[in-house]
Amino acid sequence: MARSIAAFSADALECEFIEIGDLPLYNEDDEANPSAAVTAFRERAGRVDGILFVTPEYNRGVPGLLKNAIDVGSRPYGKSVWDKKPAAVITVSPGAIGGFGANHHLRQYCVFLNMPMMQQPEAYLGQVKPDSFDADGRLKDGPLKDLVTSLSDAFADWVDLILRGRQLIAEDAAHGGND
């Protein structure tokens, strides 16, 4: 699904995949001397303008690997790479409810992490099966592809809105604001 989003939204978004599979389990004792994988992950996540989480649901929650990446990025305390980063969540499931539980767990994490979360459109993609994709791993033409394209466009607009808003506020403050 993430590859499809990147392909369909190339005009609106410059997508970068951030690898989380090689991150060690978060351990506070390792904060003073982080591994190369942790350092690389934090640098990549820290420099992007927004985060679009695309995840399956496991046992009504996010996969442990994703939760670990969130923890790694949020520490050490006060140095979170997630802080103020615009975000959205797309959950994908072969089942009918489209990852509802994982979507809402991830949204709760993002509130705590101070990530402005795109509220609408919500994205619970259910009934997504292997035959929904072509040989290149991209969604086949149809209503699901159309929906995913509109979701990625909405996310691009959301990131732009947040970044432009911050810029306008900073410019206003630099010029004396509304004394």
Protein backbone atom coordinates (compact mmCIF):
# COMPACT_ATOMS: atom_id res chain seq x y z
CA MET A 1 0.00 0.00 0.00
CA ALA A 2 2.79 2.43 0.86
CA ARG A 3 4.48 1.79 -2.51
CA SER A 4 1.17 2.51 -4.23
CA ILE A 5 0.76 5.78 -2.35
CA ALA A 6 4.28 6.87 -3.28
CA ALA A 7 3.68 6.03 -6.93
CA PHE A 8 0.25 7.66 -7.19
CA SER A 9 1.20 10.84 -5.37
CA ALA A 10 4.56 11.62 -6.97
CA ASP A 11 3.25 15.01 -8.17
CA ALA A 12 2.04 16.07 -4.71
CA LEU A 13 4.41 14.26 -2.32
CA GLU A 14 8.08 13.41 -2.29
CA CYS A 15 7.91 10.09 -0.47
CA GLU A 16 10.74 8.50 1.44
CA PHE A 17 10.53 5.08 3.06
CA ILE A 18 12.19 4.96 6.45
CA GLU A 19 13.42 1.49 7.37
CA ILE A 20 12.39 0.25 10.82
CA GLY A 21 13.20 -3.46 10.52
CA ASP A 22 16.77 -3.18 11.71
CA LEU A 23 16.08 -1.08 14.81
CA PRO A 24 17.04 -2.72 18.10
CA LEU A 25 14.36 -2.89 20.77
CA TYR A 26 14.16 0.43 22.57
CA ASN A 27 16.23 0.41 25.76
CA GLU A 28 16.72 3.55 27.81
CA ASP A 29 20.15 2.28 28.86
CA ASP A 30 21.30 2.61 25.22
CA GLU A 31 20.35 6.29 24.80
CA ALA A 32 23.84 7.58 25.61
CA ASN A 33 25.39 5.38 22.93
CA PRO A 34 22.78 4.69 20.21
CA SER A 35 23.42 2.12 17.50
CA ALA A 36 24.09 3.19 13.92
CA ALA A 37 20.58 1.99 12.97
CA VAL A 38 18.99 4.19 15.65
CA THR A 39 21.06 7.21 14.65
CA ALA A 40 20.24 6.77 10.95
CA PHE A 41 16.54 6.28 11.68
CA ARG A 42 16.34 9.37 13.89
CA GLU A 43 18.18 11.50 11.32
CA ARG A 44 15.92 10.41 8.45
CA ALA A 45 12.69 10.78 10.43
CA GLY A 46 13.85 14.12 11.79
CA ARG A 47 14.42 15.74 8.41
CA VAL A 48 11.13 14.90 6.66
CA ASP A 49 8.27 17.39 6.62
CA GLY A 50 5.53 14.94 7.59
CA ILE A 51 4.90 11.32 8.50
CA LEU A 52 2.32 9.13 6.80
CA PHE A 53 2.00 5.93 8.79
CA VAL A 54 0.81 3.00 6.68
CA THR A 55 0.29 -0.13 8.76
CA PRO A 56 -1.58 -3.38 9.10
CA GLU A 57 -3.37 -4.25 12.30
CA TYR A 58 -2.23 -7.06 14.58
CA ASN A 59 -4.49 -8.13 17.44
CA ARG A 60 -6.43 -4.83 17.35
CA GLY A 61 -3.25 -2.75 17.59
CA VAL A 62 -0.14 -1.66 15.74
CA PRO A 63 2.59 -4.20 14.99
CA GLY A 64 5.31 -4.32 17.64
CA LEU A 65 7.91 -3.25 15.10
CA LEU A 66 6.07 0.03 14.49
CA LYS A 67 5.53 0.68 18.20
CA ASN A 68 9.26 0.13 18.74
CA ALA A 69 10.10 2.66 15.99
CA ILE A 70 7.78 5.19 17.61
CA ASP A 71 9.51 4.66 20.96
CA VAL A 72 13.00 4.91 19.42
CA GLY A 73 12.06 8.18 17.69
CA SER A 74 10.52 9.68 20.81
CA ARG A 75 13.59 9.32 23.01
CA PRO A 76 15.63 10.59 24.69
CA TYR A 77 12.95 12.61 26.43
CA GLY A 78 12.75 16.14 25.04
CA LYS A 79 14.44 15.18 21.75
CA SER A 80 11.61 13.46 19.92
CA VAL A 81 11.91 13.41 16.12
CA TRP A 82 8.10 13.34 15.99
CA ASP A 83 7.49 16.66 17.75
CA LYS A 84 5.24 18.99 15.70
CA LYS A 85 5.54 16.79 12.60
CA PRO A 86 2.27 16.67 10.61
CA ALA A 87 0.98 13.10 10.44
CA ALA A 88 -1.73 10.85 9.07
CA VAL A 89 -2.56 7.17 9.45
CA ILE A 90 -3.68 4.66 6.87
CA THR A 91 -4.45 1.18 8.15
CA VAL A 92 -4.90 -1.80 5.89
CA SER A 93 -6.57 -5.12 6.56
CA PRO A 94 -8.02 -8.04 4.64
CA GLY A 95 -10.89 -7.88 7.14
CA ALA A 96 -13.99 -5.73 7.06
CA ILE A 97 -13.04 -3.07 9.63
CA GLY A 98 -9.82 -2.02 7.90
CA GLY A 99 -7.50 -1.85 10.88
CA PHE A 100 -9.75 0.36 13.01
CA GLY A 101 -8.01 -0.61 16.27
CA ALA A 102 -4.49 0.02 14.99
CA ASN A 103 -5.56 3.31 13.45
CA HIS A 104 -6.91 4.63 16.74
CA HIS A 105 -3.97 3.36 18.81
CA LEU A 106 -1.58 5.11 16.48
CA ARG A 107 -3.62 8.31 16.64
CA GLN A 108 -3.39 8.20 20.45
CA TYR A 109 0.40 7.87 20.26
CA CYS A 110 0.57 10.83 17.88
CA VAL A 111 -1.44 13.05 20.25
CA PHE A 112 1.05 12.32 23.03
CA LEU A 113 3.97 12.87 20.64
CA ASN A 114 2.63 16.34 19.69
CA MET A 115 2.08 15.44 16.04
CA PRO A 116 -0.68 17.45 14.34
CA MET A 117 -2.88 14.62 13.07
CA MET A 118 -4.94 14.82 9.89
CA GLN A 119 -8.47 14.13 11.10
CA GLN A 120 -10.26 13.68 7.77
CA PRO A 121 -10.45 11.74 5.66
CA GLU A 122 -9.99 8.78 7.97
CA ALA A 123 -8.39 5.79 6.28
CA TYR A 124 -9.43 2.29 7.31
CA LEU A 125 -8.83 0.23 4.20
CA GLY A 126 -10.59 -3.11 4.54
CA GLN A 127 -11.01 -6.04 2.21
CA VAL A 128 -7.49 -5.46 0.83
CA LYS A 129 -6.24 -8.78 -0.48
CA PRO A 130 -3.13 -9.83 -2.41
CA ASP A 131 -5.12 -9.73 -5.66
CA SER A 132 -5.78 -6.01 -5.06
CA PHE A 133 -2.25 -5.39 -6.35
CA ASP A 134 -0.58 -5.83 -9.74
CA ALA A 135 2.71 -7.64 -10.42
CA ASP A 136 4.67 -4.52 -9.40
CA GLY A 137 2.96 -4.40 -6.00
CA ARG A 138 0.80 -1.38 -6.83
CA LEU A 139 -2.94 -1.17 -6.49
CA LYS A 140 -4.91 -2.11 -9.56
CA ASP A 141 -7.21 0.47 -11.14
CA GLY A 142 -10.53 0.79 -9.36
CA PRO A 143 -12.29 2.38 -6.40
CA LEU A 144 -9.55 1.46 -3.88
CA LYS A 145 -6.86 3.08 -6.03
CA ASP A 146 -9.04 6.18 -6.40
CA LEU A 147 -9.56 6.33 -2.64
CA VAL A 148 -5.86 5.93 -1.89
CA THR A 149 -5.00 8.65 -4.40
CA SER A 150 -7.45 11.04 -2.74
CA LEU A 151 -6.03 10.15 0.70
CA SER A 152 -2.49 10.91 -0.41
CA ASP A 153 -3.60 14.21 -1.96
CA ALA A 154 -5.32 15.12 1.32
CA PHE A 155 -2.14 14.33 3.23
CA ALA A 156 -0.07 16.52 0.90
CA ASP A 157 -2.54 19.36 1.53
CA TRP A 158 -2.37 18.73 5.29
CA VAL A 159 1.43 18.92 5.42
CA ASP A 160 1.37 22.08 3.30
CA LEU A 161 -1.26 23.66 5.54
CA ILE A 162 0.74 23.00 8.70
CA LEU A 163 4.07 24.13 7.25
CA ARG A 164 2.59 27.24 5.57
CA GLY A 165 0.74 28.13 8.76
CA ARG A 166 3.92 27.95 10.81
CA GLN A 167 5.73 30.09 8.26
CA LEU A 168 3.01 32.76 8.31
CA ILE A 169 2.99 32.82 12.12
CA ALA A 170 6.78 33.18 12.19
CA GLU A 171 6.68 35.99 9.61
CA ASP A 172 3.94 37.77 11.54
CA ALA A 173 5.93 37.48 14.77
CA ALA A 174 9.04 38.77 13.01
CA HIS A 175 7.11 41.85 11.90
CA GLY A 176 5.69 42.69 15.29
CA GLY A 177 2.59 40.49 15.25
CA ASN A 178 -0.64 41.90 16.60
CA ASP A 179 0.66 43.91 19.52
